[in-house]
């Protein structure tokens, strides 16, 4: 154990150096299909809201998965 004192202490600093924050990359653009789906769900019309409410109600009642998938397909 030749040198057990941290290098930052030997340099005269009272605190260890703060690590550099990692670089944040810009999010990748969504494919056209996902972009249109998210736009459709952000600004739903009355029919979409009614189908989503029905879908949620049937989900809470543990309805058949095929029925839930069919309703989700109609919403999209």
C-alpha atoms as a PDB file:
ATOM      1  CA  UNK A   1       0.000   0.000   0.000  1.00  0.00           C
ATOM      2  CA  UNK A   2       2.328   2.642  -1.276  1.00  0.00           C
ATOM      3  CA  UNK A   3      -0.129   5.522  -1.466  1.00  0.00           C
ATOM      4  CA  UNK A   4      -3.379   5.207   0.488  1.00  0.00           C
ATOM      5  CA  UNK A   5      -4.281   8.933   0.372  1.00  0.00           C
ATOM      6  CA  UNK A   6      -6.698   9.875  -2.425  1.00  0.00           C
ATOM      7  CA  UNK A   7      -5.246  12.008  -5.174  1.00  0.00           C
ATOM      8  CA  UNK A   8      -7.817  14.795  -4.691  1.00  0.00           C
ATOM      9  CA  UNK A   9      -6.732  15.104  -1.045  1.00  0.00           C
ATOM     10  CA  UNK A  10      -3.097  15.402  -2.007  1.00  0.00           C
ATOM     11  CA  UNK A  11      -3.906  18.185  -4.494  1.00  0.00           C
ATOM     12  CA  UNK A  12      -5.257  20.386  -1.688  1.00  0.00           C
ATOM     13  CA  UNK A  13      -8.975  20.170  -2.453  1.00  0.00           C
ATOM     14  CA  UNK A  14     -11.291  19.676   0.481  1.00  0.00           C
ATOM     15  CA  UNK A  15     -13.935  17.800  -1.494  1.00  0.00           C
ATOM     16  CA  UNK A  16     -13.710  15.084  -4.114  1.00  0.00           C
ATOM     17  CA  UNK A  17     -14.376  16.287  -7.667  1.00  0.00           C
ATOM     18  CA  UNK A  18     -17.967  16.126  -8.844  1.00  0.00           C
ATOM     19  CA  UNK A  19     -18.549  13.613 -11.603  1.00  0.00           C
ATOM     20  CA  UNK A  20     -19.483  14.961 -15.016  1.00  0.00           C
ATOM     21  CA  UNK A  21     -23.169  14.506 -15.866  1.00  0.00           C
ATOM     22  CA  UNK A  22     -23.710  11.985 -18.644  1.00  0.00           C
ATOM     23  CA  UNK A  23     -24.517  13.381 -22.051  1.00  0.00           C
ATOM     24  CA  UNK A  24     -28.196  13.239 -22.865  1.00  0.00           C
ATOM     25  CA  UNK A  25     -29.083  12.135 -26.326  1.00  0.00           C
ATOM     26  CA  UNK A  26     -32.084  13.512 -28.166  1.00  0.00           C
ATOM     27  CA  UNK A  27     -34.955  11.006 -28.234  1.00  0.00           C
ATOM     28  CA  UNK A  28     -35.319   9.095 -31.456  1.00  0.00           C
ATOM     29  CA  UNK A  29     -38.271  10.197 -33.591  1.00  0.00           C
ATOM     30  CA  UNK A  30     -41.317   7.958 -33.443  1.00  0.00           C
ATOM     31  CA  UNK A  31     -42.322   5.918 -36.469  1.00  0.00           C
ATOM     32  CA  UNK A  32     -45.264   7.362 -38.390  1.00  0.00           C
ATOM     33  CA  UNK A  33     -47.697   4.731 -37.048  1.00  0.00           C
ATOM     34  CA  UNK A  34     -46.873   5.470 -33.410  1.00  0.00           C
ATOM     35  CA  UNK A  35     -46.941   9.211 -33.989  1.00  0.00           C
ATOM     36  CA  UNK A  36     -50.449   9.022 -35.459  1.00  0.00           C
ATOM     37  CA  UNK A  37     -51.607   6.747 -32.624  1.00  0.00           C
ATOM     38  CA  UNK A  38     -50.337   9.062 -29.897  1.00  0.00           C
ATOM     39  CA  UNK A  39     -51.867  12.053 -31.676  1.00  0.00           C
ATOM     40  CA  UNK A  40     -55.179  10.196 -31.885  1.00  0.00           C
ATOM     41  CA  UNK A  41     -55.084   9.395 -28.163  1.00  0.00           C
ATOM     42  CA  UNK A  42     -54.053  12.928 -27.160  1.00  0.00           C
ATOM     43  CA  UNK A  43     -57.029  14.498 -28.920  1.00  0.00           C
ATOM     44  CA  UNK A  44     -59.818  11.909 -28.744  1.00  0.00           C
ATOM     45  CA  UNK A  45     -63.294  12.481 -30.102  1.00  0.00           C
ATOM     46  CA  UNK A  46     -66.502  11.390 -28.378  1.00  0.00           C
ATOM     47  CA  UNK A  47     -66.555   7.944 -29.947  1.00  0.00           C
ATOM     48  CA  UNK A  48     -62.990   7.203 -28.876  1.00  0.00           C
ATOM     49  CA  UNK A  49     -63.699   8.315 -25.316  1.00  0.00           C
ATOM     50  CA  UNK A  50     -66.763   6.093 -25.155  1.00  0.00           C
ATOM     51  CA  UNK A  51     -64.822   3.079 -26.440  1.00  0.00           C
ATOM     52  CA  UNK A  52     -61.964   3.727 -24.010  1.00  0.00           C
ATOM     53  CA  UNK A  53     -64.433   3.950 -21.111  1.00  0.00           C
ATOM     54  CA  UNK A  54     -66.035   0.675 -22.191  1.00  0.00           C
ATOM     55  CA  UNK A  55     -62.626  -0.921 -22.546  1.00  0.00           C
ATOM     56  CA  UNK A  56     -61.626   0.214 -19.055  1.00  0.00           C
ATOM     57  CA  UNK A  57     -64.906  -1.000 -17.549  1.00  0.00           C
ATOM     58  CA  UNK A  58     -64.580  -4.414 -19.166  1.00  0.00           C
ATOM     59  CA  UNK A  59     -60.936  -4.617 -18.061  1.00  0.00           C
ATOM     60  CA  UNK A  60     -62.000  -3.977 -14.452  1.00  0.00           C
ATOM     61  CA  UNK A  61     -64.621  -6.724 -14.734  1.00  0.00           C
ATOM     62  CA  UNK A  62     -62.019  -9.214 -16.039  1.00  0.00           C
ATOM     63  CA  UNK A  63     -63.720  -9.593 -19.442  1.00  0.00           C
ATOM     64  CA  UNK A  64     -62.557 -11.931 -22.191  1.00  0.00           C
ATOM     65  CA  UNK A  65     -59.167 -10.946 -23.595  1.00  0.00           C
ATOM     66  CA  UNK A  66     -60.291 -11.367 -27.194  1.00  0.00           C
ATOM     67  CA  UNK A  67     -63.106  -8.916 -26.600  1.00  0.00           C
ATOM     68  CA  UNK A  68     -60.710  -6.429 -25.040  1.00  0.00           C
ATOM     69  CA  UNK A  69     -58.294  -6.788 -27.947  1.00  0.00           C
ATOM     70  CA  UNK A  70     -61.106  -6.297 -30.442  1.00  0.00           C
ATOM     71  CA  UNK A  71     -62.183  -3.080 -28.709  1.00  0.00           C
ATOM     72  CA  UNK A  72     -58.596  -1.865 -28.553  1.00  0.00           C
ATOM     73  CA  UNK A  73     -58.274  -2.557 -32.290  1.00  0.00           C
ATOM     74  CA  UNK A  74     -61.397  -0.481 -32.967  1.00  0.00           C
ATOM     75  CA  UNK A  75     -60.023   2.398 -30.888  1.00  0.00           C
ATOM     76  CA  UNK A  76     -56.867   2.458 -32.940  1.00  0.00           C
END
